[in-house]
Amino acid sequence: MNFLVILAIVLLIVAGHQLLRIVELSRGLKKTNEWRITDTDNNMMGKSMLIFMILFFLFFIWQVERWADRSLPPAASEHGVKIDTLWDYNMYLCIIVFFVTNFFLFWYAYKYRGNSKATARFFPHDNRLEMAWTIVPAIVLAFVIIFGLKYWNEIMDESKDPNKVIVELYAKQFDWTARYTGPDGKLGSTDYRQINGSNAVGRDTADVTGNDDVLVKNEFHIPVNTEIELQMRSRDVIHSAYLPHFRAQMNCVPGMITYFKFKPTKTTEEMRKDPYTVKMMEGINKQRAKEGKEPVIFDYLLLCNKICGASHYGMQMNVIVDTPEDYKAWIEKKQGKTVAEKK
């Protein structure tokens, strides 16, 4: 097989060389300068530009349609809807500008194609054009910036909900640990100098309020329609707590605590029944079947969005969004187990 491939390549090279020889010999038969560009050549190139423009736009539309189901499912948090709205606005704006600018690019390539009878007009400056392409983008971008700042201030505003659930996310190479309050409703303080095998998050053993704290690995639970305040720390390098389905992300920085709040609006079970999610998972499992892998079901994920080391790709944790009743039962079970272990 390899011999046949090599032989085919050699034959193609020989054929190409002979074709060039024929072209070279045919030059002597022409009575005109073969390198002179004629009006016919320019007309052909101008029309080719229009044909290419149409094919280019059709290819773009096909790509959007073909890969539309590879994006994230609808946002599963209150603020995520606003972020998606801003994202959509920016995408629509970019697509409109893309079509308009490329249309004029190709149209002018056709309209002002070479013509032996045409004369060029030279003008070095036009104030109207300068004002147009300065003021119009400035106005459009002003709306983008204003709405972006508005949403940012709303998202990052300090939490005032007395019923919020506080979860600490502790990052280290290459896993996550979630820490919840115990029955006293308070997280204990931490001291990095006390980190050891039995105290993985560095809980300050002198602070008794942390004795009933609940540590969770592999997955953590949060209740739906309840404000969640994430407190994030890192043991070693900068990690980034990324919850794509909630449109939430914040860096975890060694030596400091960072915060992010959000309110989930769909339980895990509700998201699994979402039509877009169902279609997306069918596509994923179809590909997994081709690779001989077992099918999977949808889960919310906590990922690290910083390249934090060799096993960065595996630094993830499942997030389960429960109904308030299911979450209450789960956390009470965890709190009771923790208290029993301490005794």
C-alpha atoms as a PDB file:
ATOM      1  CA  MET A   1       0.000   0.000   0.000  1.00  0.00           C
ATOM      2  CA  ASN A   2       2.801   2.430   0.889  1.00  0.00           C
ATOM      3  CA  PHE A   3       4.558   1.587  -2.400  1.00  0.00           C
ATOM      4  CA  LEU A   4       1.402   2.383  -4.378  1.00  0.00           C
ATOM      5  CA  VAL A   5       0.983   5.733  -2.589  1.00  0.00           C
ATOM      6  CA  ILE A   6       4.601   6.683  -3.330  1.00  0.00           C
ATOM      7  CA  LEU A   7       4.221   5.574  -6.955  1.00  0.00           C
ATOM      8  CA  ALA A   8       1.038   7.692  -7.336  1.00  0.00           C
ATOM      9  CA  ILE A   9       2.821  10.758  -5.943  1.00  0.00           C
ATOM     10  CA  VAL A  10       5.754  10.280  -8.330  1.00  0.00           C
ATOM     11  CA  LEU A  11       3.391   9.927 -11.318  1.00  0.00           C
ATOM     12  CA  LEU A  12       1.546  13.108 -10.295  1.00  0.00           C
ATOM     13  CA  ILE A  13       4.830  15.013 -10.158  1.00  0.00           C
ATOM     14  CA  VAL A  14       5.823  13.713 -13.615  1.00  0.00           C
ATOM     15  CA  ALA A  15       2.417  14.604 -15.056  1.00  0.00           C
ATOM     16  CA  GLY A  16       2.613  18.098 -13.550  1.00  0.00           C
ATOM     17  CA  HIS A  17       6.071  18.613 -15.038  1.00  0.00           C
ATOM     18  CA  GLN A  18       4.888  17.550 -18.488  1.00  0.00           C
ATOM     19  CA  LEU A  19       1.858  19.863 -18.235  1.00  0.00           C
ATOM     20  CA  LEU A  20       4.130  22.807 -17.482  1.00  0.00           C
ATOM     21  CA  ARG A  21       6.279  21.861 -20.480  1.00  0.00           C
ATOM     22  CA  ILE A  22       3.190  21.968 -22.744  1.00  0.00           C
ATOM     23  CA  VAL A  23       2.245  25.413 -21.386  1.00  0.00           C
ATOM     24  CA  GLU A  24       5.784  26.643 -21.992  1.00  0.00           C
ATOM     25  CA  LEU A  25       5.815  25.366 -25.587  1.00  0.00           C
ATOM     26  CA  SER A  26       2.405  26.914 -26.297  1.00  0.00           C
ATOM     27  CA  ARG A  27       3.737  30.377 -25.399  1.00  0.00           C
ATOM     28  CA  GLY A  28       5.654  30.567 -28.658  1.00  0.00           C
ATOM     29  CA  LEU A  29       2.441  30.080 -30.700  1.00  0.00           C
ATOM     30  CA  LYS A  30       0.717  33.148 -29.237  1.00  0.00           C
ATOM     31  CA  LYS A  31       0.972  36.446 -31.140  1.00  0.00           C
ATOM     32  CA  THR A  32       0.241  38.629 -28.111  1.00  0.00           C
ATOM     33  CA  ASN A  33       2.099  39.136 -24.833  1.00  0.00           C
ATOM     34  CA  GLU A  34       0.764  36.352 -22.641  1.00  0.00           C
ATOM     35  CA  TRP A  35       1.333  38.320 -19.422  1.00  0.00           C
ATOM     36  CA  ARG A  36      -0.741  41.331 -20.493  1.00  0.00           C
ATOM     37  CA  ILE A  37      -4.007  41.511 -18.549  1.00  0.00           C
ATOM     38  CA  THR A  38      -6.990  42.076 -20.839  1.00  0.00           C
ATOM     39  CA  ASP A  39     -10.475  43.416 -20.091  1.00  0.00           C
ATOM     40  CA  THR A  40     -11.770  39.873 -20.572  1.00  0.00           C
ATOM     41  CA  ASP A  41      -9.437  38.642 -17.844  1.00  0.00           C
ATOM     42  CA  ASN A  42     -10.552  41.438 -15.494  1.00  0.00           C
ATOM     43  CA  ASN A  43     -14.243  40.759 -16.167  1.00  0.00           C
ATOM     44  CA  MET A  44     -13.738  37.084 -15.446  1.00  0.00           C
ATOM     45  CA  MET A  45     -11.916  37.828 -12.172  1.00  0.00           C
ATOM     46  CA  GLY A  46     -14.557  40.351 -11.130  1.00  0.00           C
ATOM     47  CA  LYS A  47     -17.381  37.862 -11.685  1.00  0.00           C
ATOM     48  CA  SER A  48     -15.340  35.210  -9.894  1.00  0.00           C
ATOM     49  CA  MET A  49     -15.233  37.518  -6.890  1.00  0.00           C
ATOM     50  CA  LEU A  50     -19.047  37.670  -6.797  1.00  0.00           C
ATOM     51  CA  ILE A  51     -19.316  33.890  -7.156  1.00  0.00           C
ATOM     52  CA  PHE A  52     -16.770  33.403  -4.365  1.00  0.00           C
ATOM     53  CA  MET A  53     -18.699  35.857  -2.140  1.00  0.00           C
ATOM     54  CA  ILE A  54     -21.919  33.869  -2.547  1.00  0.00           C
ATOM     55  CA  LEU A  55     -20.173  30.554  -1.851  1.00  0.00           C
ATOM     56  CA  PHE A  56     -18.348  32.110   1.118  1.00  0.00           C
ATOM     57  CA  PHE A  57     -21.614  33.334   2.695  1.00  0.00           C
ATOM     58  CA  LEU A  58     -23.358  30.005   2.060  1.00  0.00           C
ATOM     59  CA  PHE A  59     -20.438  28.161   3.659  1.00  0.00           C
ATOM     60  CA  PHE A  60     -20.656  30.412   6.721  1.00  0.00           C
ATOM     61  CA  ILE A  61     -24.422  29.821   7.062  1.00  0.00           C
ATOM     62  CA  TRP A  62     -23.903  26.076   6.664  1.00  0.00           C
ATOM     63  CA  GLN A  63     -21.291  26.039   9.423  1.00  0.00           C
ATOM     64  CA  VAL A  64     -23.612  27.876  11.813  1.00  0.00           C
ATOM     65  CA  GLU A  65     -26.399  25.403  11.087  1.00  0.00           C
ATOM     66  CA  ARG A  66     -24.106  22.366  11.190  1.00  0.00           C
ATOM     67  CA  TRP A  67     -22.429  23.121  14.512  1.00  0.00           C
ATOM     68  CA  ALA A  68     -25.240  24.972  16.317  1.00  0.00           C
ATOM     69  CA  ASP A  69     -25.887  22.016  18.622  1.00  0.00           C
ATOM     70  CA  ARG A  70     -22.291  22.015  19.904  1.00  0.00           C
ATOM     71  CA  SER A  71     -22.741  25.082  22.122  1.00  0.00           C
ATOM     72  CA  LEU A  72     -23.724  25.039  25.796  1.00  0.00           C
ATOM     73  CA  PRO A  73     -27.341  24.385  26.838  1.00  0.00           C
ATOM     74  CA  PRO A  74     -29.467  27.355  27.975  1.00  0.00           C
ATOM     75  CA  ALA A  75     -28.161  29.108  31.088  1.00  0.00           C
ATOM     76  CA  ALA A  76     -29.221  27.465  34.347  1.00  0.00           C
ATOM     77  CA  SER A  77     -28.837  30.569  36.544  1.00  0.00           C
ATOM     78  CA  GLU A  78     -30.562  33.932  36.839  1.00  0.00           C
ATOM     79  CA  HIS A  79     -27.560  36.033  35.861  1.00  0.00           C
ATOM     80  CA  GLY A  80     -26.624  33.524  33.152  1.00  0.00           C
ATOM     81  CA  VAL A  81     -29.669  34.592  31.129  1.00  0.00           C
ATOM     82  CA  LYS A  82     -28.345  38.170  31.117  1.00  0.00           C
ATOM     83  CA  ILE A  83     -24.888  37.009  30.058  1.00  0.00           C
ATOM     84  CA  ASP A  84     -26.398  34.958  27.220  1.00  0.00           C
ATOM     85  CA  THR A  85     -28.448  37.987  26.128  1.00  0.00           C
ATOM     86  CA  LEU A  86     -25.311  40.125  25.993  1.00  0.00           C
ATOM     87  CA  TRP A  87     -23.452  37.351  24.160  1.00  0.00           C
ATOM     88  CA  ASP A  88     -26.246  37.008  21.588  1.00  0.00           C
ATOM     89  CA  TYR A  89     -26.306  40.769  21.036  1.00  0.00           C
ATOM     90  CA  ASN A  90     -22.569  40.778  20.374  1.00  0.00           C
ATOM     91  CA  MET A  91     -22.796  37.777  18.037  1.00  0.00           C
ATOM     92  CA  TYR A  92     -25.659  39.306  16.025  1.00  0.00           C
ATOM     93  CA  LEU A  93     -23.706  42.543  15.791  1.00  0.00           C
ATOM     94  CA  CYS A  94     -20.546  40.749  14.629  1.00  0.00           C
ATOM     95  CA  ILE A  95     -22.482  38.704  12.049  1.00  0.00           C
ATOM     96  CA  ILE A  96     -24.169  41.797  10.617  1.00  0.00           C
ATOM     97  CA  VAL A  97     -20.837  43.610  10.364  1.00  0.00           C
ATOM     98  CA  PHE A  98     -19.279  40.477   8.851  1.00  0.00           C
ATOM     99  CA  PHE A  99     -21.873  40.276   6.073  1.00  0.00           C
ATOM    100  CA  VAL A 100     -21.938  44.017   5.342  1.00  0.00           C
ATOM    101  CA  THR A 101     -18.164  44.525   5.224  1.00  0.00           C
ATOM    102  CA  ASN A 102     -17.500  41.391   3.177  1.00  0.00           C
ATOM    103  CA  PHE A 103     -20.315  42.213   0.765  1.00  0.00           C
ATOM    104  CA  PHE A 104     -18.770  45.591   0.016  1.00  0.00           C
ATOM    105  CA  LEU A 105     -15.289  44.047  -0.117  1.00  0.00           C
ATOM    106  CA  PHE A 106     -16.262  41.661  -2.904  1.00  0.00           C
ATOM    107  CA  TRP A 107     -18.727  44.021  -4.591  1.00  0.00           C
ATOM    108  CA  TYR A 108     -16.122  46.763  -4.935  1.00  0.00           C
ATOM    109  CA  ALA A 109     -13.599  44.196  -6.196  1.00  0.00           C
ATOM    110  CA  TYR A 110     -16.120  43.517  -8.971  1.00  0.00           C
ATOM    111  CA  LYS A 111     -17.297  47.101  -9.542  1.00  0.00           C
ATOM    112  CA  TYR A 112     -13.814  48.575  -9.739  1.00  0.00           C
ATOM    113  CA  ARG A 113     -12.206  45.731 -11.664  1.00  0.00           C
ATOM    114  CA  GLY A 114      -9.602  46.665 -14.254  1.00  0.00           C
ATOM    115  CA  ASN A 115     -10.886  48.408 -17.367  1.00  0.00           C
ATOM    116  CA  SER A 116      -8.713  49.839 -20.134  1.00  0.00           C
ATOM    117  CA  LYS A 117     -11.235  52.646 -20.773  1.00  0.00           C
ATOM    118  CA  ALA A 118     -11.746  53.683 -17.121  1.00  0.00           C
ATOM    119  CA  THR A 119      -9.867  56.486 -15.375  1.00  0.00           C
ATOM    120  CA  ALA A 120      -9.094  56.649 -11.667  1.00  0.00           C
ATOM    121  CA  ARG A 121     -10.097  59.523  -9.392  1.00  0.00           C
ATOM    122  CA  PHE A 122      -7.729  60.368  -6.544  1.00  0.00           C
ATOM    123  CA  PHE A 123      -8.852  61.909  -3.268  1.00  0.00           C
ATOM    124  CA  PRO A 124      -6.615  61.749  -0.182  1.00  0.00           C
ATOM    125  CA  HIS A 125      -9.185  62.517   2.502  1.00  0.00           C
ATOM    126  CA  ASP A 126     -12.931  62.688   3.179  1.00  0.00           C
ATOM    127  CA  ASN A 127     -14.232  64.129   6.461  1.00  0.00           C
ATOM    128  CA  ARG A 128     -17.658  62.538   6.046  1.00  0.00           C
ATOM    129  CA  LEU A 129     -16.198  59.048   5.727  1.00  0.00           C
ATOM    130  CA  GLU A 130     -13.865  59.648   8.687  1.00  0.00           C
ATOM    131  CA  MET A 131     -16.804  60.789  10.858  1.00  0.00           C
ATOM    132  CA  ALA A 132     -18.994  57.881   9.750  1.00  0.00           C
ATOM    133  CA  TRP A 133     -16.562  55.071  10.539  1.00  0.00           C
ATOM    134  CA  THR A 134     -15.555  56.718  13.825  1.00  0.00           C
ATOM    135  CA  ILE A 135     -18.915  57.790  15.293  1.00  0.00           C
ATOM    136  CA  VAL A 136     -21.043  54.781  14.267  1.00  0.00           C
ATOM    137  CA  PRO A 137     -18.741  52.119  15.848  1.00  0.00           C
ATOM    138  CA  ALA A 138     -18.341  54.339  18.937  1.00  0.00           C
ATOM    139  CA  ILE A 139     -22.123  54.488  19.444  1.00  0.00           C
ATOM    140  CA  VAL A 140     -22.564  50.743  18.923  1.00  0.00           C
ATOM    141  CA  LEU A 141     -19.681  49.863  21.272  1.00  0.00           C
ATOM    142  CA  ALA A 142     -20.995  52.319  23.882  1.00  0.00           C
ATOM    143  CA  PHE A 143     -24.184  50.237  24.182  1.00  0.00           C
ATOM    144  CA  VAL A 144     -22.131  47.040  24.538  1.00  0.00           C
ATOM    145  CA  ILE A 145     -19.963  48.582  27.276  1.00  0.00           C
ATOM    146  CA  ILE A 146     -22.903  50.152  29.157  1.00  0.00           C
ATOM    147  CA  PHE A 147     -24.892  46.908  29.271  1.00  0.00           C
ATOM    148  CA  GLY A 148     -21.740  44.952  30.140  1.00  0.00           C
ATOM    149  CA  LEU A 149     -20.965  47.215  33.098  1.00  0.00           C
ATOM    150  CA  LYS A 150     -24.599  47.119  34.228  1.00  0.00           C
ATOM    151  CA  TYR A 151     -24.707  43.333  34.236  1.00  0.00           C
ATOM    152  CA  TRP A 152     -21.259  43.097  35.847  1.00  0.00           C
ATOM    153  CA  ASN A 153     -22.301  45.357  38.743  1.00  0.00           C
ATOM    154  CA  GLU A 154     -25.499  43.360  39.254  1.00  0.00           C
ATOM    155  CA  ILE A 155     -23.667  40.018  39.181  1.00  0.00           C
ATOM    156  CA  MET A 156     -20.798  41.079  41.435  1.00  0.00           C
ATOM    157  CA  ASP A 157     -22.918  43.045  43.930  1.00  0.00           C
ATOM    158  CA  GLU A 158     -22.582  41.894  47.537  1.00  0.00           C
ATOM    159  CA  SER A 159     -25.063  39.218  48.573  1.00  0.00           C
ATOM    160  CA  LYS A 160     -27.835  40.423  50.882  1.00  0.00           C
ATOM    161  CA  ASP A 161     -29.898  37.225  51.019  1.00  0.00           C
ATOM    162  CA  PRO A 162     -30.077  35.908  54.632  1.00  0.00           C
ATOM    163  CA  ASN A 163     -31.050  32.454  53.344  1.00  0.00           C
ATOM    164  CA  LYS A 164     -28.090  32.035  51.017  1.00  0.00           C
ATOM    165  CA  VAL A 165     -26.092  28.808  51.014  1.00  0.00           C
ATOM    166  CA  ILE A 166     -22.336  29.256  51.497  1.00  0.00           C
ATOM    167  CA  VAL A 167     -20.015  26.715  49.913  1.00  0.00           C
ATOM    168  CA  GLU A 168     -16.242  26.908  50.003  1.00  0.00           C
ATOM    169  CA  LEU A 169     -14.408  25.487  46.995  1.00  0.00           C
ATOM    170  CA  TYR A 170     -10.850  24.505  47.820  1.00  0.00           C
ATOM    171  CA  ALA A 171      -8.596  23.965  44.804  1.00  0.00           C
ATOM    172  CA  LYS A 172      -5.309  22.122  44.613  1.00  0.00           C
ATOM    173  CA  GLN A 173      -3.426  20.189  41.970  1.00  0.00           C
ATOM    174  CA  PHE A 174      -5.484  18.394  40.742  1.00  0.00           C
ATOM    175  CA  ASP A 175      -8.844  18.201  42.498  1.00  0.00           C
ATOM    176  CA  TRP A 176     -11.554  20.130  44.312  1.00  0.00           C
ATOM    177  CA  THR A 177     -12.935  19.899  47.836  1.00  0.00           C
ATOM    178  CA  ALA A 178     -16.264  21.495  48.807  1.00  0.00           C
ATOM    179  CA  ARG A 179     -16.763  22.619  52.406  1.00  0.00           C
ATOM    180  CA  TYR A 180     -20.190  23.285  53.961  1.00  0.00           C
ATOM    181  CA  THR A 181     -21.197  24.672  57.310  1.00  0.00           C
ATOM    182  CA  GLY A 182     -22.290  22.325  60.050  1.00  0.00           C
ATOM    183  CA  PRO A 183     -25.460  22.688  62.173  1.00  0.00           C
ATOM    184  CA  ASP A 184     -24.073  25.957  63.604  1.00  0.00           C
ATOM    185  CA  GLY A 185     -24.309  27.589  60.166  1.00  0.00           C
ATOM    186  CA  LYS A 186     -20.736  28.916  60.215  1.00  0.00           C
ATOM    187  CA  LEU A 187     -17.570  27.969  58.351  1.00  0.00           C
ATOM    188  CA  GLY A 188     -14.517  27.629  60.532  1.00  0.00           C
ATOM    189  CA  SER A 189     -11.464  29.784  59.869  1.00  0.00           C
ATOM    190  CA  THR A 190      -8.422  28.341  58.093  1.00  0.00           C
ATOM    191  CA  ASP A 191      -4.655  28.338  58.514  1.00  0.00           C
ATOM    192  CA  TYR A 192      -2.486  27.084  55.664  1.00  0.00           C
ATOM    193  CA  ARG A 193       0.196  26.031  58.179  1.00  0.00           C
ATOM    194  CA  GLN A 194      -2.134  23.336  59.501  1.00  0.00           C
ATOM    195  CA  ILE A 195      -2.611  21.577  56.161  1.00  0.00           C
ATOM    196  CA  ASN A 196      -1.790  17.881  56.503  1.00  0.00           C
ATOM    197  CA  GLY A 197      -3.164  14.492  55.523  1.00  0.00           C
ATOM    198  CA  SER A 198      -6.117  14.617  57.917  1.00  0.00           C
ATOM    199  CA  ASN A 199      -6.718  18.338  57.455  1.00  0.00           C
ATOM    200  CA  ALA A 200      -6.669  18.728  53.674  1.00  0.00           C
ATOM    201  CA  VAL A 201      -8.219  22.222  53.562  1.00  0.00           C
ATOM    202  CA  GLY A 202      -6.169  23.700  56.417  1.00  0.00           C
ATOM    203  CA  ARG A 203      -9.000  24.160  58.914  1.00  0.00           C
ATOM    204  CA  ASP A 204      -7.842  26.070  61.981  1.00  0.00           C
ATOM    205  CA  THR A 205      -8.174  23.494  64.762  1.00  0.00           C
ATOM    206  CA  ALA A 206      -8.250  26.274  67.352  1.00  0.00           C
ATOM    207  CA  ASP A 207     -11.548  27.554  65.933  1.00  0.00           C
ATOM    208  CA  VAL A 208     -14.311  25.348  67.343  1.00  0.00           C
ATOM    209  CA  THR A 209     -16.890  26.663  64.865  1.00  0.00           C
ATOM    210  CA  GLY A 210     -15.188  24.567  62.205  1.00  0.00           C
ATOM    211  CA  ASN A 211     -15.459  21.275  64.077  1.00  0.00           C
ATOM    212  CA  ASP A 212     -18.762  20.448  62.380  1.00  0.00           C
ATOM    213  CA  ASP A 213     -17.804  21.614  58.881  1.00  0.00           C
ATOM    214  CA  VAL A 214     -18.714  19.150  56.126  1.00  0.00           C
ATOM    215  CA  LEU A 215     -16.089  18.199  53.533  1.00  0.00           C
ATOM    216  CA  VAL A 216     -17.280  16.739  50.217  1.00  0.00           C
ATOM    217  CA  LYS A 217     -15.294  15.203  47.341  1.00  0.00           C
ATOM    218  CA  ASN A 218     -16.314  14.001  43.870  1.00  0.00           C
ATOM    219  CA  GLU A 219     -19.570  16.001  43.769  1.00  0.00           C
ATOM    220  CA  PHE A 220     -21.304  18.740  45.703  1.00  0.00           C
ATOM    221  CA  HIS A 221     -24.988  19.651  45.988  1.00  0.00           C
ATOM    222  CA  ILE A 222     -26.782  23.005  45.881  1.00  0.00           C
ATOM    223  CA  PRO A 223     -30.502  23.836  46.101  1.00  0.00           C
ATOM    224  CA  VAL A 224     -32.423  25.303  43.163  1.00  0.00           C
ATOM    225  CA  ASN A 225     -33.822  28.867  43.293  1.00  0.00           C
ATOM    226  CA  THR A 226     -31.572  29.683  46.252  1.00  0.00           C
ATOM    227  CA  GLU A 227     -28.672  32.122  46.221  1.00  0.00           C
ATOM    228  CA  ILE A 228     -25.355  30.304  46.374  1.00  0.00           C
ATOM    229  CA  GLU A 229     -22.247  32.122  47.593  1.00  0.00           C
ATOM    230  CA  LEU A 230     -19.025  30.432  46.604  1.00  0.00           C
ATOM    231  CA  GLN A 231     -15.905  31.190  48.639  1.00  0.00           C
ATOM    232  CA  MET A 232     -12.819  30.013  46.759  1.00  0.00           C
ATOM    233  CA  ARG A 233      -9.279  29.271  47.894  1.00  0.00           C
ATOM    234  CA  SER A 234      -6.236  27.634  46.348  1.00  0.00           C
ATOM    235  CA  ARG A 235      -3.433  25.695  47.997  1.00  0.00           C
ATOM    236  CA  ASP A 236      -0.737  25.909  45.324  1.00  0.00           C
ATOM    237  CA  VAL A 237      -1.192  27.770  42.020  1.00  0.00           C
ATOM    238  CA  ILE A 238      -3.884  29.943  40.468  1.00  0.00           C
ATOM    239  CA  HIS A 239      -6.856  27.795  39.513  1.00  0.00           C
ATOM    240  CA  SER A 240     -10.134  28.994  38.030  1.00  0.00           C
ATOM    241  CA  ALA A 241     -13.479  27.722  39.287  1.00  0.00           C
ATOM    242  CA  TYR A 242     -15.559  27.455  36.118  1.00  0.00           C
ATOM    243  CA  LEU A 243     -19.238  26.457  36.145  1.00  0.00           C
ATOM    244  CA  PRO A 244     -20.108  26.775  32.432  1.00  0.00           C
ATOM    245  CA  HIS A 245     -23.798  25.874  32.694  1.00  0.00           C
ATOM    246  CA  PHE A 246     -24.311  28.615  35.297  1.00  0.00           C
ATOM    247  CA  ARG A 247     -22.116  31.108  33.379  1.00  0.00           C
ATOM    248  CA  ALA A 248     -19.987  31.487  36.493  1.00  0.00           C
ATOM    249  CA  GLN A 249     -16.212  31.737  36.772  1.00  0.00           C
ATOM    250  CA  MET A 250     -13.753  33.125  39.308  1.00  0.00           C
ATOM    251  CA  ASN A 251     -10.040  32.643  39.897  1.00  0.00           C
ATOM    252  CA  CYS A 252      -8.866  30.759  42.990  1.00  0.00           C
ATOM    253  CA  VAL A 253      -5.769  32.603  44.170  1.00  0.00           C
ATOM    254  CA  PRO A 254      -3.296  31.306  46.789  1.00  0.00           C
ATOM    255  CA  GLY A 255      -3.309  33.451  49.917  1.00  0.00           C
ATOM    256  CA  MET A 256      -6.722  35.048  49.442  1.00  0.00           C
ATOM    257  CA  ILE A 257     -10.447  34.241  49.302  1.00  0.00           C
ATOM    258  CA  THR A 258     -12.432  35.112  46.178  1.00  0.00           C
ATOM    259  CA  TYR A 259     -16.221  35.170  45.928  1.00  0.00           C
ATOM    260  CA  PHE A 260     -18.951  34.574  43.410  1.00  0.00           C
ATOM    261  CA  LYS A 261     -22.706  34.364  43.906  1.00  0.00           C
ATOM    262  CA  PHE A 262     -25.425  32.969  41.641  1.00  0.00           C
ATOM    263  CA  LYS A 263     -28.908  31.489  41.810  1.00  0.00           C
ATOM    264  CA  PRO A 264     -29.494  28.182  39.946  1.00  0.00           C
ATOM    265  CA  THR A 265     -32.862  27.989  38.208  1.00  0.00           C
ATOM    266  CA  LYS A 266     -32.982  24.375  36.983  1.00  0.00           C
ATOM    267  CA  THR A 267     -32.409  21.176  38.895  1.00  0.00           C
ATOM    268  CA  THR A 268     -30.177  18.511  37.410  1.00  0.00           C
ATOM    269  CA  GLU A 269     -33.237  16.416  36.545  1.00  0.00           C
ATOM    270  CA  GLU A 270     -34.943  19.360  34.831  1.00  0.00           C
ATOM    271  CA  MET A 271     -31.846  20.106  32.752  1.00  0.00           C
ATOM    272  CA  ARG A 272     -31.582  16.463  31.707  1.00  0.00           C
ATOM    273  CA  LYS A 273     -35.101  16.758  30.225  1.00  0.00           C
ATOM    274  CA  ASP A 274     -34.405  20.025  28.396  1.00  0.00           C
ATOM    275  CA  PRO A 275     -34.893  19.398  24.624  1.00  0.00           C
ATOM    276  CA  TYR A 276     -31.569  20.985  23.680  1.00  0.00           C
ATOM    277  CA  THR A 277     -29.721  18.998  26.363  1.00  0.00           C
ATOM    278  CA  VAL A 278     -31.378  15.761  25.221  1.00  0.00           C
ATOM    279  CA  LYS A 279     -30.283  16.408  21.621  1.00  0.00           C
ATOM    280  CA  MET A 280     -26.771  17.364  22.741  1.00  0.00           C
ATOM    281  CA  MET A 281     -26.340  14.213  24.836  1.00  0.00           C
ATOM    282  CA  GLU A 282     -27.624  12.046  21.981  1.00  0.00           C
ATOM    283  CA  GLY A 283     -24.862  13.447  19.789  1.00  0.00           C
ATOM    284  CA  ILE A 284     -22.241  12.885  22.502  1.00  0.00           C
ATOM    285  CA  ASN A 285     -23.324   9.307  23.160  1.00  0.00           C
ATOM    286  CA  LYS A 286     -23.455   8.574  19.439  1.00  0.00           C
ATOM    287  CA  GLN A 287     -19.799   9.575  19.174  1.00  0.00           C
ATOM    288  CA  ARG A 288     -18.923   7.615  22.332  1.00  0.00           C
ATOM    289  CA  ALA A 289     -20.565   4.516  20.848  1.00  0.00           C
ATOM    290  CA  LYS A 290     -18.302   4.808  17.785  1.00  0.00           C
ATOM    291  CA  GLU A 291     -15.313   4.827  20.136  1.00  0.00           C
ATOM    292  CA  GLY A 292     -16.601   1.815  22.100  1.00  0.00           C
ATOM    293  CA  LYS A 293     -17.376   3.861  25.229  1.00  0.00           C
ATOM    294  CA  GLU A 294     -20.340   3.618  27.583  1.00  0.00           C
ATOM    295  CA  PRO A 295     -23.126   6.244  27.257  1.00  0.00           C
ATOM    296  CA  VAL A 296     -23.218   9.070  29.793  1.00  0.00           C
ATOM    297  CA  ILE A 297     -25.947  11.292  31.222  1.00  0.00           C
ATOM    298  CA  PHE A 298     -25.876  15.051  31.655  1.00  0.00           C
ATOM    299  CA  ASP A 299     -24.359  16.546  34.795  1.00  0.00           C
ATOM    300  CA  TYR A 300     -23.457  20.068  35.773  1.00  0.00           C
ATOM    301  CA  LEU A 301     -19.690  20.379  36.104  1.00  0.00           C
ATOM    302  CA  LEU A 302     -17.149  22.370  38.054  1.00  0.00           C
ATOM    303  CA  LEU A 303     -13.976  22.689  35.964  1.00  0.00           C
ATOM    304  CA  CYS A 304     -10.609  24.358  36.317  1.00  0.00           C
ATOM    305  CA  ASN A 305     -10.259  26.926  33.543  1.00  0.00           C
ATOM    306  CA  LYS A 306      -6.591  27.683  34.159  1.00  0.00           C
ATOM    307  CA  ILE A 307      -3.820  25.510  32.734  1.00  0.00           C
ATOM    308  CA  CYS A 308      -2.598  24.553  36.200  1.00  0.00           C
ATOM    309  CA  GLY A 309      -0.332  21.589  35.423  1.00  0.00           C
ATOM    310  CA  ALA A 310      -0.015  18.200  33.775  1.00  0.00           C
ATOM    311  CA  SER A 311      -3.384  16.846  34.992  1.00  0.00           C
ATOM    312  CA  HIS A 312      -5.332  20.078  34.518  1.00  0.00           C
ATOM    313  CA  TYR A 313      -7.721  18.351  32.108  1.00  0.00           C
ATOM    314  CA  GLY A 314      -8.957  15.971  34.846  1.00  0.00           C
ATOM    315  CA  MET A 315      -9.615  18.636  37.490  1.00  0.00           C
ATOM    316  CA  GLN A 316     -13.393  18.537  37.564  1.00  0.00           C
ATOM    317  CA  MET A 317     -16.234  17.840  39.951  1.00  0.00           C
ATOM    318  CA  ASN A 318     -19.923  17.066  39.421  1.00  0.00           C
ATOM    319  CA  VAL A 319     -22.466  19.593  40.676  1.00  0.00           C
ATOM    320  CA  ILE A 320     -25.918  18.339  41.634  1.00  0.00           C
ATOM    321  CA  VAL A 321     -28.756  20.874  41.750  1.00  0.00           C
ATOM    322  CA  ASP A 322     -31.495  19.515  44.022  1.00  0.00           C
ATOM    323  CA  THR A 323     -34.944  20.623  44.970  1.00  0.00           C
ATOM    324  CA  PRO A 324     -34.898  22.433  48.355  1.00  0.00           C
ATOM    325  CA  GLU A 325     -36.325  19.343  50.023  1.00  0.00           C
ATOM    326  CA  ASP A 326     -33.765  16.959  48.528  1.00  0.00           C
ATOM    327  CA  TYR A 327     -30.923  19.339  49.353  1.00  0.00           C
ATOM    328  CA  LYS A 328     -32.098  19.678  52.962  1.00  0.00           C
ATOM    329  CA  ALA A 329     -32.176  15.897  53.353  1.00  0.00           C
ATOM    330  CA  TRP A 330     -28.724  15.551  51.768  1.00  0.00           C
ATOM    331  CA  ILE A 331     -26.992  18.232  53.828  1.00  0.00           C
ATOM    332  CA  GLU A 332     -28.599  17.061  57.089  1.00  0.00           C
ATOM    333  CA  LYS A 333     -27.331  13.566  56.374  1.00  0.00           C
ATOM    334  CA  LYS A 334     -23.826  14.882  55.712  1.00  0.00           C
ATOM    335  CA  GLN A 335     -23.875  17.089  58.807  1.00  0.00           C
ATOM    336  CA  GLY A 336     -25.062  14.232  60.997  1.00  0.00           C
ATOM    337  CA  LYS A 337     -22.372  11.929  59.630  1.00  0.00           C
ATOM    338  CA  THR A 338     -19.670  14.537  60.241  1.00  0.00           C
ATOM    339  CA  VAL A 339     -20.781  15.138  63.834  1.00  0.00           C
ATOM    340  CA  ALA A 340     -20.870  11.380  64.473  1.00  0.00           C
ATOM    341  CA  GLU A 341     -17.341  10.958  63.070  1.00  0.00           C
ATOM    342  CA  LYS A 342     -16.039  13.773  65.312  1.00  0.00           C
ATOM    343  CA  LYS A 343     -17.485  12.041  68.364  1.00  0.00           C
END
